[in-house]
Amino acid sequence: MNKGFGVTVTVTQPGEREPTTAPVVVVARDERDAELVAAQAAGPYASAETMRELTDDEVLAYGLDLQVHGSAKALPILNL
């Protein structure tokens, strides 16, 4: 069964000194799967770290469909 997770994605582009970090919510099977989904969505220079599993209310608030494995939404601010 899929669950919602809050994940932090960090992207370090070649030649850039500072990485870019963004909060993302994803639908995945577990924490490791959430990290893989988020990193793949962000591209080849990305890494991801799961912050926590989302509550049912957060899943609804973010508009996540738990039937759609791999869906992800970037957030404007980290509010986990």
C-alpha atoms as a PDB file:
ATOM      1  CA  MET A   1       0.000   0.000   0.000  1.00  0.00           C
ATOM      2  CA  ASN A   2       1.241   3.475  -0.853  1.00  0.00           C
ATOM      3  CA  LYS A   3       1.698   6.234   1.702  1.00  0.00           C
ATOM      4  CA  GLY A   4       2.540   9.925   1.573  1.00  0.00           C
ATOM      5  CA  PHE A   5       5.997  11.111   2.609  1.00  0.00           C
ATOM      6  CA  GLY A   6       7.691  14.449   3.102  1.00  0.00           C
ATOM      7  CA  VAL A   7      11.114  14.436   1.464  1.00  0.00           C
ATOM      8  CA  THR A   8      13.934  16.947   1.130  1.00  0.00           C
ATOM      9  CA  VAL A   9      15.596  16.890  -2.293  1.00  0.00           C
ATOM     10  CA  THR A  10      19.084  18.304  -2.810  1.00  0.00           C
ATOM     11  CA  VAL A  11      20.459  18.948  -6.293  1.00  0.00           C
ATOM     12  CA  THR A  12      24.100  19.838  -6.881  1.00  0.00           C
ATOM     13  CA  GLN A  13      24.690  20.792 -10.504  1.00  0.00           C
ATOM     14  CA  PRO A  14      28.216  20.329 -11.872  1.00  0.00           C
ATOM     15  CA  GLY A  15      30.172  23.564 -11.571  1.00  0.00           C
ATOM     16  CA  GLU A  16      27.893  25.066  -8.921  1.00  0.00           C
ATOM     17  CA  ARG A  17      29.198  25.636  -5.424  1.00  0.00           C
ATOM     18  CA  GLU A  18      25.910  25.619  -3.573  1.00  0.00           C
ATOM     19  CA  PRO A  19      23.307  22.875  -3.866  1.00  0.00           C
ATOM     20  CA  THR A  20      19.623  23.662  -4.280  1.00  0.00           C
ATOM     21  CA  THR A  21      17.301  22.116  -1.722  1.00  0.00           C
ATOM     22  CA  ALA A  22      13.538  21.746  -2.070  1.00  0.00           C
ATOM     23  CA  PRO A  23      10.762  20.153  -0.029  1.00  0.00           C
ATOM     24  CA  VAL A  24       8.673  17.578  -1.894  1.00  0.00           C
ATOM     25  CA  VAL A  25       5.754  15.319  -0.995  1.00  0.00           C
ATOM     26  CA  VAL A  26       5.641  11.950  -2.731  1.00  0.00           C
ATOM     27  CA  VAL A  27       3.517   8.813  -2.905  1.00  0.00           C
ATOM     28  CA  ALA A  28       5.613   5.704  -2.270  1.00  0.00           C
ATOM     29  CA  ARG A  29       5.628   2.322  -0.576  1.00  0.00           C
ATOM     30  CA  ASP A  30       8.115   3.168   2.177  1.00  0.00           C
ATOM     31  CA  GLU A  31      10.752   5.725   3.175  1.00  0.00           C
ATOM     32  CA  ARG A  32      13.465   4.354   0.891  1.00  0.00           C
ATOM     33  CA  ASP A  33      11.087   4.189  -2.051  1.00  0.00           C
ATOM     34  CA  ALA A  34      10.073   7.816  -1.349  1.00  0.00           C
ATOM     35  CA  GLU A  35      13.725   8.869  -1.557  1.00  0.00           C
ATOM     36  CA  LEU A  36      14.183   7.039  -4.852  1.00  0.00           C
ATOM     37  CA  VAL A  37      11.021   8.545  -6.348  1.00  0.00           C
ATOM     38  CA  ALA A  38      11.996  12.089  -5.332  1.00  0.00           C
ATOM     39  CA  ALA A  39      15.609  11.788  -6.490  1.00  0.00           C
ATOM     40  CA  GLN A  40      14.578  10.354  -9.865  1.00  0.00           C
ATOM     41  CA  ALA A  41      12.057  13.155 -10.369  1.00  0.00           C
ATOM     42  CA  ALA A  42      14.734  15.783  -9.662  1.00  0.00           C
ATOM     43  CA  GLY A  43      17.328  14.430 -12.071  1.00  0.00           C
ATOM     44  CA  PRO A  44      20.754  12.815 -12.178  1.00  0.00           C
ATOM     45  CA  TYR A  45      22.465  15.160  -9.697  1.00  0.00           C
ATOM     46  CA  ALA A  46      19.844  14.771  -6.972  1.00  0.00           C
ATOM     47  CA  SER A  47      19.781  13.055  -3.628  1.00  0.00           C
ATOM     48  CA  ALA A  48      16.854  12.819  -1.232  1.00  0.00           C
ATOM     49  CA  GLU A  49      16.164  12.299   2.445  1.00  0.00           C
ATOM     50  CA  THR A  50      12.799  11.319   3.895  1.00  0.00           C
ATOM     51  CA  MET A  51      11.695  13.600   6.692  1.00  0.00           C
ATOM     52  CA  ARG A  52       8.631  11.630   7.762  1.00  0.00           C
ATOM     53  CA  GLU A  53       5.428   9.902   6.746  1.00  0.00           C
ATOM     54  CA  LEU A  54       2.513  12.277   6.226  1.00  0.00           C
ATOM     55  CA  THR A  55      -0.692  12.083   8.229  1.00  0.00           C
ATOM     56  CA  ASP A  56      -4.004  11.331   6.506  1.00  0.00           C
ATOM     57  CA  ASP A  57      -4.977  14.997   6.866  1.00  0.00           C
ATOM     58  CA  GLU A  58      -1.721  16.122   5.205  1.00  0.00           C
ATOM     59  CA  VAL A  59      -2.232  13.689   2.323  1.00  0.00           C
ATOM     60  CA  LEU A  60      -5.641  15.286   1.725  1.00  0.00           C
ATOM     61  CA  ALA A  61      -4.329  18.838   2.149  1.00  0.00           C
ATOM     62  CA  TYR A  62      -1.560  18.267  -0.419  1.00  0.00           C
ATOM     63  CA  GLY A  63      -4.018  16.601  -2.800  1.00  0.00           C
ATOM     64  CA  LEU A  64      -2.060  13.349  -3.062  1.00  0.00           C
ATOM     65  CA  ASP A  65      -3.686  10.304  -4.626  1.00  0.00           C
ATOM     66  CA  LEU A  66      -2.294   7.264  -2.815  1.00  0.00           C
ATOM     67  CA  GLN A  67      -3.305   5.094  -5.773  1.00  0.00           C
ATOM     68  CA  VAL A  68      -0.714   6.816  -7.986  1.00  0.00           C
ATOM     69  CA  HIS A  69       2.686   5.469  -6.952  1.00  0.00           C
ATOM     70  CA  GLY A  70       5.510   7.851  -7.788  1.00  0.00           C
ATOM     71  CA  SER A  71       3.508  11.045  -7.926  1.00  0.00           C
ATOM     72  CA  ALA A  72       5.315  14.015  -6.423  1.00  0.00           C
ATOM     73  CA  LYS A  73       4.646  17.674  -5.705  1.00  0.00           C
ATOM     74  CA  ALA A  74       7.200  20.334  -4.895  1.00  0.00           C
ATOM     75  CA  LEU A  75       6.301  22.612  -2.005  1.00  0.00           C
ATOM     76  CA  PRO A  76       7.048  26.327  -1.787  1.00  0.00           C
ATOM     77  CA  ILE A  77       8.298  25.956   1.825  1.00  0.00           C
ATOM     78  CA  LEU A  78       9.182  23.093   4.126  1.00  0.00           C
ATOM     79  CA  ASN A  79       6.307  22.684   6.529  1.00  0.00           C
ATOM     80  CA  LEU A  80       6.757  19.174   7.857  1.00  0.00           C
END
